[in-house]
């Protein structure tokens, strides 16, 4: 791929997951959530937007037709090469996209009761997420994956700390 056709992070995430073998769009969404949902979100709409573009670029090919018209995608040699090139390139600046933080920035437009409900709901969600993240971090052996899992734990703790500061 040329620089102007360089992979975006979502496309790279999908190519990386497909190194494990052929998957359908739904399987890719589930695998992305399981593998890196704590630090990189991938939505169903993003996956289904990227897959045809990656296939058109020759980085994936269509695999077996599955149940309910699901379509498997298979990584091509060009896809492996493009992914490895992406991995070796400069990552650039991280972009945080948090629907919660966006809501908190605009929470002044809510009633006090609505603000309280937002904070309490988020606290419950992130408390449960912290338990899951801690468990996931315990089960990782690879030092790079362990560092990413530990980052997820620290990130969730930071969000809880933010919520605690707001709740005072």
Protein backbone atom coordinates (compact mmCIF):
# COMPACT_ATOMS: atom_id res chain seq x y z
CA UNK A 1 0.00 0.00 0.00
CA UNK A 2 1.17 3.53 -0.63
CA UNK A 3 1.37 6.14 2.12
CA UNK A 4 -1.87 7.74 0.98
CA UNK A 5 -3.54 4.34 1.33
CA UNK A 6 -1.93 3.58 4.71
CA UNK A 7 -3.98 1.53 7.11
CA UNK A 8 -6.05 3.24 9.74
CA UNK A 9 -5.98 1.76 13.24
CA UNK A 10 -9.32 -0.04 12.84
CA UNK A 11 -8.23 -1.72 9.61
CA UNK A 12 -4.94 -2.71 11.24
CA UNK A 13 -6.79 -4.13 14.25
CA UNK A 14 -8.87 -6.33 11.93
CA UNK A 15 -5.84 -7.52 9.96
CA UNK A 16 -4.08 -8.34 13.24
CA UNK A 17 -7.05 -10.39 14.44
CA UNK A 18 -7.26 -12.26 11.15
CA UNK A 19 -3.74 -13.60 11.74
CA UNK A 20 -5.56 -16.07 14.03
CA UNK A 21 -7.52 -17.44 11.06
CA UNK A 22 -10.63 -16.67 8.98
CA UNK A 23 -13.46 -14.88 10.78
CA UNK A 24 -16.80 -13.31 10.02
CA UNK A 25 -17.56 -9.69 10.83
CA UNK A 26 -19.42 -10.70 13.98
CA UNK A 27 -16.53 -12.88 15.11
CA UNK A 28 -14.15 -9.98 14.51
CA UNK A 29 -16.27 -7.64 16.64
CA UNK A 30 -16.30 -10.19 19.48
CA UNK A 31 -12.56 -10.89 19.18
CA UNK A 32 -11.74 -7.16 19.16
CA UNK A 33 -13.83 -6.57 22.26
CA UNK A 34 -12.20 -9.48 24.04
CA UNK A 35 -8.62 -8.77 23.00
CA UNK A 36 -8.41 -5.00 23.21
CA UNK A 37 -11.77 -3.59 24.22
CA UNK A 38 -10.21 -2.02 27.32
CA UNK A 39 -8.04 0.33 25.31
CA UNK A 40 -9.25 0.34 21.71
CA UNK A 41 -12.91 0.14 20.82
CA UNK A 42 -14.11 -1.24 17.51
CA UNK A 43 -17.77 -0.93 16.66
CA UNK A 44 -19.81 -3.25 14.49
CA UNK A 45 -20.37 -0.45 11.97
CA UNK A 46 -16.62 0.22 11.74
CA UNK A 47 -15.91 -3.46 11.12
CA UNK A 48 -18.53 -3.78 8.40
CA UNK A 49 -17.32 -0.56 6.76
CA UNK A 50 -13.65 -1.68 6.76
CA UNK A 51 -14.03 -5.28 5.59
CA UNK A 52 -15.18 -4.55 2.01
CA UNK A 53 -12.53 -1.82 1.64
CA UNK A 54 -9.81 -4.21 2.82
CA UNK A 55 -11.07 -6.87 0.42
CA UNK A 56 -11.16 -4.35 -2.46
CA UNK A 57 -7.56 -3.41 -1.63
CA UNK A 58 -6.56 -7.08 -1.87
CA UNK A 59 -5.63 -7.34 1.82
CA UNK A 60 -8.43 -9.82 2.53
CA UNK A 61 -10.27 -12.32 0.41
CA UNK A 62 -13.68 -13.82 0.91
CA UNK A 63 -13.70 -17.18 2.62
CA UNK A 64 -16.47 -19.64 3.32
CA UNK A 65 -20.08 -18.52 3.41
CA UNK A 66 -21.39 -19.12 6.92
CA UNK A 67 -24.82 -19.50 8.49
CA UNK A 68 -27.37 -16.70 8.03
CA UNK A 69 -25.37 -15.29 5.10
CA UNK A 70 -22.36 -14.50 7.28
CA UNK A 71 -19.17 -14.13 5.28
CA UNK A 72 -15.74 -15.23 6.44
CA UNK A 73 -12.73 -13.10 5.59
CA UNK A 74 -9.24 -14.49 5.08
CA UNK A 75 -6.01 -12.53 5.37
CA UNK A 76 -3.96 -12.44 2.15
CA UNK A 77 -0.18 -12.23 1.81
CA UNK A 78 -0.61 -8.55 0.91
CA UNK A 79 -2.69 -8.09 4.06
CA UNK A 80 0.04 -9.66 6.19
CA UNK A 81 2.62 -7.38 4.57
CA UNK A 82 0.48 -4.26 5.04
CA UNK A 83 -0.14 -5.15 8.69
CA UNK A 84 3.55 -5.69 9.40
CA UNK A 85 4.34 -2.38 7.70
CA UNK A 86 1.70 -0.67 9.87
CA UNK A 87 3.15 -2.30 13.01
CA UNK A 88 6.63 -1.00 12.20
CA UNK A 89 5.46 2.55 11.41
CA UNK A 90 5.27 5.47 13.83
CA UNK A 91 2.01 5.28 15.81
CA UNK A 92 1.32 9.01 15.91
CA UNK A 93 -0.61 10.64 18.73
CA UNK A 94 -3.31 8.67 20.54
CA UNK A 95 -6.88 9.85 20.14
CA UNK A 96 -9.12 9.33 23.15
CA UNK A 97 -12.79 8.98 22.30
CA UNK A 98 -14.83 8.60 25.46
CA UNK A 99 -18.59 9.03 25.28
CA UNK A 100 -18.59 9.28 29.09
CA UNK A 101 -16.07 12.14 29.20
CA UNK A 102 -17.97 13.91 26.42
CA UNK A 103 -21.16 13.64 28.48
CA UNK A 104 -19.37 14.87 31.61
CA UNK A 105 -18.06 17.92 29.74
CA UNK A 106 -21.66 18.80 28.89
CA UNK A 107 -23.21 17.62 32.18
CA UNK A 108 -23.96 21.22 33.17
CA UNK A 109 -26.91 21.03 30.79
CA UNK A 110 -28.44 18.21 32.86
CA UNK A 111 -30.49 18.51 36.02
CA UNK A 112 -28.69 17.62 39.27
CA UNK A 113 -30.66 14.36 39.37
CA UNK A 114 -29.62 13.49 35.79
CA UNK A 115 -25.97 14.33 36.55
CA UNK A 116 -26.06 12.13 39.63
CA UNK A 117 -27.62 9.28 37.64
CA UNK A 118 -24.94 9.64 34.93
CA UNK A 119 -22.12 9.48 37.47
CA UNK A 120 -23.63 6.58 39.42
CA UNK A 121 -24.36 4.56 36.28
CA UNK A 122 -20.82 5.13 35.02
CA UNK A 123 -19.38 4.23 38.42
CA UNK A 124 -21.27 0.90 38.41
CA UNK A 125 -20.16 0.14 34.85
CA UNK A 126 -16.50 0.96 35.50
CA UNK A 127 -16.45 -0.88 38.84
CA UNK A 128 -17.56 -4.05 37.04
CA UNK A 129 -15.09 -3.34 34.24
CA UNK A 130 -12.27 -3.01 36.78
CA UNK A 131 -12.97 -6.50 38.11
CA UNK A 132 -12.91 -7.92 34.58
CA UNK A 133 -9.74 -6.01 33.69
CA UNK A 134 -7.93 -7.27 36.80
CA UNK A 135 -8.89 -10.86 35.97
CA UNK A 136 -7.77 -10.45 32.37
CA UNK A 137 -4.44 -8.95 33.46
CA UNK A 138 -3.76 -11.95 35.71
CA UNK A 139 -4.16 -14.41 32.83
CA UNK A 140 -1.72 -12.78 30.38
CA UNK A 141 1.80 -14.16 29.95
CA UNK A 142 3.20 -12.20 27.00
CA UNK A 143 4.99 -9.11 28.42
CA UNK A 144 3.56 -6.77 25.76
CA UNK A 145 0.01 -8.04 26.20
CA UNK A 146 0.51 -7.90 29.99
CA UNK A 147 1.56 -4.24 29.75
CA UNK A 148 -1.56 -3.48 27.69
CA UNK A 149 -3.75 -5.36 30.20
CA UNK A 150 -2.16 -3.44 33.08
CA UNK A 151 -2.79 -0.19 31.19
CA UNK A 152 -6.47 -1.13 30.95
CA UNK A 153 -6.61 -1.63 34.73
CA UNK A 154 -4.90 1.73 35.32
CA UNK A 155 -7.21 3.48 32.84
CA UNK A 156 -10.35 2.11 34.48
CA UNK A 157 -9.01 3.13 37.90
CA UNK A 158 -8.37 6.64 36.55
CA UNK A 159 -11.96 6.91 35.30
CA UNK A 160 -13.24 5.77 38.70
CA UNK A 161 -11.02 8.37 40.39
CA UNK A 162 -12.48 11.03 38.08
CA UNK A 163 -16.01 9.92 38.94
CA UNK A 164 -15.18 9.97 42.66
CA UNK A 165 -13.85 13.54 42.33
CA UNK A 166 -17.06 14.64 40.58
CA UNK A 167 -19.26 12.88 43.13
CA UNK A 168 -17.89 14.92 46.03
